[in-house]
Amino acid sequence: MNENEKKKTRMFRSVNGTWNPVIGCTHKCKYCWARRLVETKLYKTSCKDCASFNVHTHLDRLIKKRKTILVCSMGDLFCKGCPDQYIRAVLDIIRVHSNRDFILCTKNPKRYEDFIRMMPDNCILGTTIETNKDDLVREWSEAPPPTERHKVMARLRYKRKFLSIEPIMEFDMKVMVKWVKDIHPVTCEIGYNNYPMFRLPEPTLDKTRELIENIQKLGINVREKTIRKAWSEKE
C-alpha cells in the first residue's frame, strides 16, 4: 500500500472551516463518525443534547473567517427530524455572509426542494450516495435509499451541486457512472470508511479506481479521500 492509500483525508479538501449551528441526526447510520465522537466522549461538550446526538440548535456559534465552510459536519440539517424553522434560520444566516461559500450535505436531499426558493446563491448543495444498492444501505442506515437521493439530485435545478461517495460500498459500475452523470456535480468526492470496526461491504480497490477514472472522463472533478484496499482484500 502506498502513502496515498494510507492517508486519511478530511471531508471536502477545499473546505477551510466548519460551522455547526445544528447538531444531531435521525438517520441512525451505524458507521456515523459524528455519533461515534459523542458516544465515545471525544467531542468535548457540556450540552446534554450534543451528548445524546438529538437534533438541536447552536445558532449563536460564530462563523470562522474562512472562504469555504462546511455546514453541520456534526449532523444532517435536512434529516427528517430537523424542524423547518432550524433550516430557515441557518439559511438566513448564510445569506448574510454572501462573500463565502457554504457546503450543505444531506442524505435526505428531497427536503432541498422545500427550500429551493429561499436557498442562497452561495450554497453548494450535495448528497451522499454510498452505492446504488438500496439493500446494502438498508442494513446500515435509516436514511432515504440511494435510488431516491439520485432521482432528487438529478432533477434538482441548482447551479452548484456535489456528490459524496463515502463511505463507498459495493456498486454496479454502469449504474453509478450514469447516476453521477445525471447529477452532474461540480465535484465528486470518493473514499472508504475510516473505522475498522465497521466492516462495510466494500468494492475492491481496482474497482474504485476504475470508477474514479470513469467519472473523470465525464469531465467531473474527483477528490480522493481515504483510498485503500477493501477489508476483504486485506484479510
Protein backbone atom coordinates (compact mmCIF):
# COMPACT_ATOMS: atom_id res chain seq x y z
CA MET A 1 0.00 0.00 0.00
CA ASN A 2 1.44 3.40 -0.96
CA GLU A 3 1.30 6.58 1.08
CA ASN A 4 -1.77 7.88 -0.74
CA GLU A 5 -3.69 4.73 0.17
CA LYS A 6 -2.67 5.01 3.81
CA LYS A 7 -3.50 8.68 4.10
CA LYS A 8 -6.80 9.69 5.64
CA THR A 9 -8.21 12.95 4.40
CA ARG A 10 -10.96 15.10 5.79
CA MET A 11 -14.25 15.63 4.04
CA PHE A 12 -14.05 18.31 1.33
CA ARG A 13 -10.39 19.26 0.98
CA SER A 14 -11.46 22.66 -0.35
CA VAL A 15 -13.14 23.38 3.00
CA ASN A 16 -11.14 25.55 5.35
CA GLY A 17 -13.77 25.95 8.04
CA THR A 18 -16.74 24.18 9.63
CA TRP A 19 -19.84 25.59 11.29
CA ASN A 20 -22.26 23.58 13.40
CA PRO A 21 -25.37 25.71 14.06
CA VAL A 22 -27.39 22.46 14.21
CA ILE A 23 -26.12 19.22 15.70
CA GLY A 24 -27.66 15.76 15.61
CA CYS A 25 -29.31 13.44 13.11
CA THR A 26 -32.15 10.93 12.92
CA HIS A 27 -30.76 8.69 10.17
CA LYS A 28 -29.08 6.36 12.67
CA CYS A 29 -26.22 5.32 10.37
CA LYS A 30 -24.30 2.64 12.23
CA TYR A 31 -20.97 3.87 10.87
CA CYS A 32 -21.58 7.57 11.62
CA TRP A 33 -18.32 9.14 12.79
CA ALA A 34 -20.07 12.13 14.38
CA ARG A 35 -22.31 9.94 16.53
CA ARG A 36 -19.25 7.90 17.45
CA LEU A 37 -17.48 11.07 18.61
CA VAL A 38 -20.22 11.95 21.08
CA GLU A 39 -20.76 8.37 22.22
CA THR A 40 -17.07 7.92 23.00
CA LYS A 41 -16.87 11.35 24.69
CA LEU A 42 -14.28 12.56 22.14
CA TYR A 43 -16.49 15.55 21.35
CA LYS A 44 -15.99 17.90 24.28
CA THR A 45 -19.31 19.39 25.29
CA SER A 46 -21.42 20.20 28.31
CA CYS A 47 -24.61 20.14 26.21
CA LYS A 48 -26.83 17.16 27.00
CA ASP A 49 -28.43 17.25 23.54
CA CYS A 50 -24.99 17.11 21.87
CA ALA A 51 -24.03 14.15 24.04
CA SER A 52 -27.19 12.28 23.00
CA PHE A 53 -26.99 13.41 19.35
CA ASN A 54 -30.51 14.86 19.45
CA VAL A 55 -31.25 17.39 16.71
CA HIS A 56 -30.93 20.85 18.27
CA THR A 57 -29.53 24.31 17.54
CA HIS A 58 -26.49 26.35 18.47
CA LEU A 59 -27.29 29.36 16.29
CA ASP A 60 -25.11 31.62 18.41
CA ARG A 61 -21.96 29.89 17.22
CA LEU A 62 -19.75 32.22 15.23
CA ILE A 63 -18.74 31.54 11.65
CA LYS A 64 -14.99 31.42 11.20
CA LYS A 65 -13.43 33.86 8.78
CA ARG A 66 -12.94 31.29 6.03
CA LYS A 67 -13.84 31.24 2.35
CA THR A 68 -15.46 27.80 2.10
CA ILE A 69 -17.39 26.43 5.06
CA LEU A 70 -18.91 23.01 5.67
CA VAL A 71 -22.25 23.37 7.45
CA CYS A 72 -23.32 20.85 10.11
CA SER A 73 -20.44 18.40 9.99
CA MET A 74 -21.85 17.05 13.27
CA GLY A 75 -25.31 16.28 11.92
CA ASP A 76 -27.69 16.48 8.97
CA LEU A 77 -29.52 19.78 8.59
CA PHE A 78 -32.11 18.23 6.27
CA CYS A 79 -32.80 14.97 8.09
CA LYS A 80 -36.47 14.27 8.81
CA GLY A 81 -36.02 15.10 12.47
CA CYS A 82 -34.80 18.67 11.84
CA PRO A 83 -37.62 21.25 12.14
CA ASP A 84 -38.22 23.64 9.24
CA GLN A 85 -37.51 26.65 11.43
CA TYR A 86 -33.98 25.40 12.13
CA ILE A 87 -33.28 25.17 8.40
CA ARG A 88 -34.74 28.61 7.68
CA ALA A 89 -32.68 30.16 10.47
CA VAL A 90 -29.45 28.64 9.13
CA LEU A 91 -30.17 29.75 5.56
CA ASP A 92 -30.92 33.28 6.75
CA ILE A 93 -27.51 33.45 8.40
CA ILE A 94 -25.79 32.03 5.30
CA ARG A 95 -27.45 34.68 3.15
CA VAL A 96 -25.90 37.44 5.26
CA HIS A 97 -22.40 36.06 4.57
CA SER A 98 -22.70 36.36 0.80
CA ASN A 99 -18.91 36.58 0.26
CA ARG A 100 -18.38 32.99 1.40
CA ASP A 101 -19.39 29.58 0.10
CA PHE A 102 -21.34 27.18 2.33
CA ILE A 103 -21.43 23.46 1.59
CA LEU A 104 -24.57 21.59 2.62
CA CYS A 105 -24.59 17.80 2.63
CA THR A 106 -27.55 15.55 3.38
CA LYS A 107 -28.79 12.01 2.92
CA ASN A 108 -32.29 13.43 2.55
CA PRO A 109 -31.97 15.79 -0.45
CA LYS A 110 -35.72 15.74 -1.08
CA ARG A 111 -36.02 18.49 1.54
CA TYR A 112 -33.88 20.74 -0.65
CA GLU A 113 -36.96 21.07 -2.86
CA ASP A 114 -38.95 22.53 0.04
CA PHE A 115 -36.39 25.31 0.50
CA ILE A 116 -35.04 25.81 -3.02
CA ARG A 117 -36.76 29.18 -3.49
CA MET A 118 -35.08 30.61 -0.42
CA MET A 119 -31.72 28.90 -0.99
CA PRO A 120 -28.92 31.49 -1.00
CA ASP A 121 -26.73 31.61 -4.13
CA ASN A 122 -23.61 30.99 -2.05
CA CYS A 123 -24.69 27.44 -1.13
CA ILE A 124 -23.34 24.27 -2.70
CA LEU A 125 -25.96 21.53 -2.44
CA GLY A 126 -24.80 17.96 -2.07
CA THR A 127 -25.80 14.49 -1.09
CA THR A 128 -24.13 11.25 -0.10
CA ILE A 129 -24.62 8.19 -2.28
CA GLU A 130 -22.52 5.32 -0.97
CA THR A 131 -23.78 2.81 -3.53
CA ASN A 132 -26.63 2.26 -5.96
CA LYS A 133 -27.79 -0.78 -3.98
CA ASP A 134 -30.65 0.14 -1.64
CA ASP A 135 -30.48 -3.20 0.16
CA LEU A 136 -26.89 -2.61 1.29
CA VAL A 137 -27.68 0.81 2.74
CA ARG A 138 -30.80 -0.52 4.47
CA GLU A 139 -28.61 -2.79 6.59
CA TRP A 140 -26.59 0.15 7.90
CA SER A 141 -28.82 3.21 7.90
CA GLU A 142 -32.40 4.52 8.18
CA ALA A 143 -31.68 7.31 5.69
CA PRO A 144 -33.69 7.53 2.45
CA PRO A 145 -32.45 4.95 -0.09
CA PRO A 146 -29.80 5.88 -2.67
CA THR A 147 -32.27 5.49 -5.55
CA GLU A 148 -34.38 8.30 -4.07
CA ARG A 149 -31.36 10.52 -3.46
CA HIS A 150 -30.25 10.07 -7.07
CA LYS A 151 -33.67 10.94 -8.51
CA VAL A 152 -33.94 14.08 -6.42
CA MET A 153 -30.44 15.36 -7.18
CA ALA A 154 -30.80 14.58 -10.88
CA ARG A 155 -33.93 16.72 -11.18
CA LEU A 156 -32.75 19.46 -8.81
CA ARG A 157 -32.26 22.67 -10.75
CA TYR A 158 -29.39 24.33 -8.94
CA LYS A 159 -26.16 25.63 -10.43
CA ARG A 160 -23.71 24.09 -7.95
CA LYS A 161 -24.13 20.53 -6.74
CA PHE A 162 -21.70 17.98 -5.43
CA LEU A 163 -21.71 14.29 -4.66
CA SER A 164 -20.04 12.37 -1.84
CA ILE A 165 -19.47 8.65 -2.46
CA GLU A 166 -18.39 7.90 1.10
CA PRO A 167 -18.15 5.51 2.74
CA ILE A 168 -18.14 3.67 -0.57
CA MET A 169 -19.95 0.31 -0.70
CA GLU A 170 -20.18 -2.34 -3.40
CA PHE A 171 -21.88 -0.98 -6.52
CA ASP A 172 -22.79 -1.56 -10.17
CA MET A 173 -20.31 0.34 -12.34
CA LYS A 174 -22.65 1.36 -15.19
CA VAL A 175 -25.37 2.47 -12.80
CA MET A 176 -23.07 4.55 -10.59
CA VAL A 177 -21.41 6.29 -13.54
CA LYS A 178 -24.84 7.08 -15.02
CA TRP A 179 -26.04 8.45 -11.69
CA VAL A 180 -23.04 10.75 -11.43
CA LYS A 181 -23.63 11.92 -14.99
CA ASP A 182 -27.32 12.56 -14.22
CA ILE A 183 -26.49 14.65 -11.15
CA HIS A 184 -23.53 16.37 -12.83
CA PRO A 185 -21.86 17.71 -9.68
CA VAL A 186 -19.09 20.30 -9.76
CA THR A 187 -17.14 17.94 -7.53
CA CYS A 188 -17.40 14.28 -6.62
CA GLU A 189 -15.64 13.00 -3.52
CA ILE A 190 -14.85 9.32 -3.08
CA GLY A 191 -13.49 7.49 -0.04
CA TYR A 192 -13.55 4.34 2.03
CA ASN A 193 -14.73 4.01 5.62
CA ASN A 194 -12.05 5.06 8.13
CA TYR A 195 -13.14 2.87 11.05
CA PRO A 196 -12.00 -0.79 11.07
CA MET A 197 -14.75 -1.84 13.49
CA PHE A 198 -17.33 -1.23 10.75
CA ARG A 199 -16.76 -3.84 8.04
CA LEU A 200 -18.92 -2.42 5.28
CA PRO A 201 -19.47 -4.37 2.04
CA GLU A 202 -16.78 -2.63 0.01
CA PRO A 203 -15.67 -2.77 -3.63
CA THR A 204 -12.11 -3.75 -4.47
CA LEU A 205 -9.54 -1.00 -4.81
CA ASP A 206 -9.22 -1.68 -8.54
CA LYS A 207 -12.96 -1.26 -9.00
CA THR A 208 -12.93 2.03 -7.09
CA ARG A 209 -10.04 3.26 -9.21
CA GLU A 210 -12.00 2.38 -12.33
CA LEU A 211 -15.00 4.34 -11.02
CA ILE A 212 -12.79 7.37 -10.41
CA GLU A 213 -11.43 7.17 -13.96
CA ASN A 214 -14.90 6.84 -15.46
CA ILE A 215 -16.17 9.87 -13.55
CA GLN A 216 -13.16 11.91 -14.62
CA LYS A 217 -13.91 11.00 -18.23
CA LEU A 218 -17.24 12.82 -17.76
CA GLY A 219 -15.26 16.00 -17.12
CA ILE A 220 -16.17 15.99 -13.43
CA ASN A 221 -13.55 16.80 -10.82
CA VAL A 222 -12.89 13.94 -8.40
CA ARG A 223 -11.38 14.48 -4.97
CA GLU A 224 -9.98 11.33 -3.42
CA LYS A 225 -10.30 10.83 0.30
CA THR A 226 -9.31 7.63 2.08
CA ILE A 227 -8.40 5.32 -0.80
CA ARG A 228 -7.22 1.85 0.24
CA LYS A 229 -7.83 -1.83 -0.34
CA ALA A 230 -11.20 -3.23 0.73
CA TRP A 231 -11.33 -5.05 4.05
CA SER A 232 -11.79 -8.35 2.20
CA GLU A 233 -8.58 -7.71 0.22
CA LYS A 234 -6.58 -7.18 3.41
CA GLU A 235 -7.57 -10.44 5.05
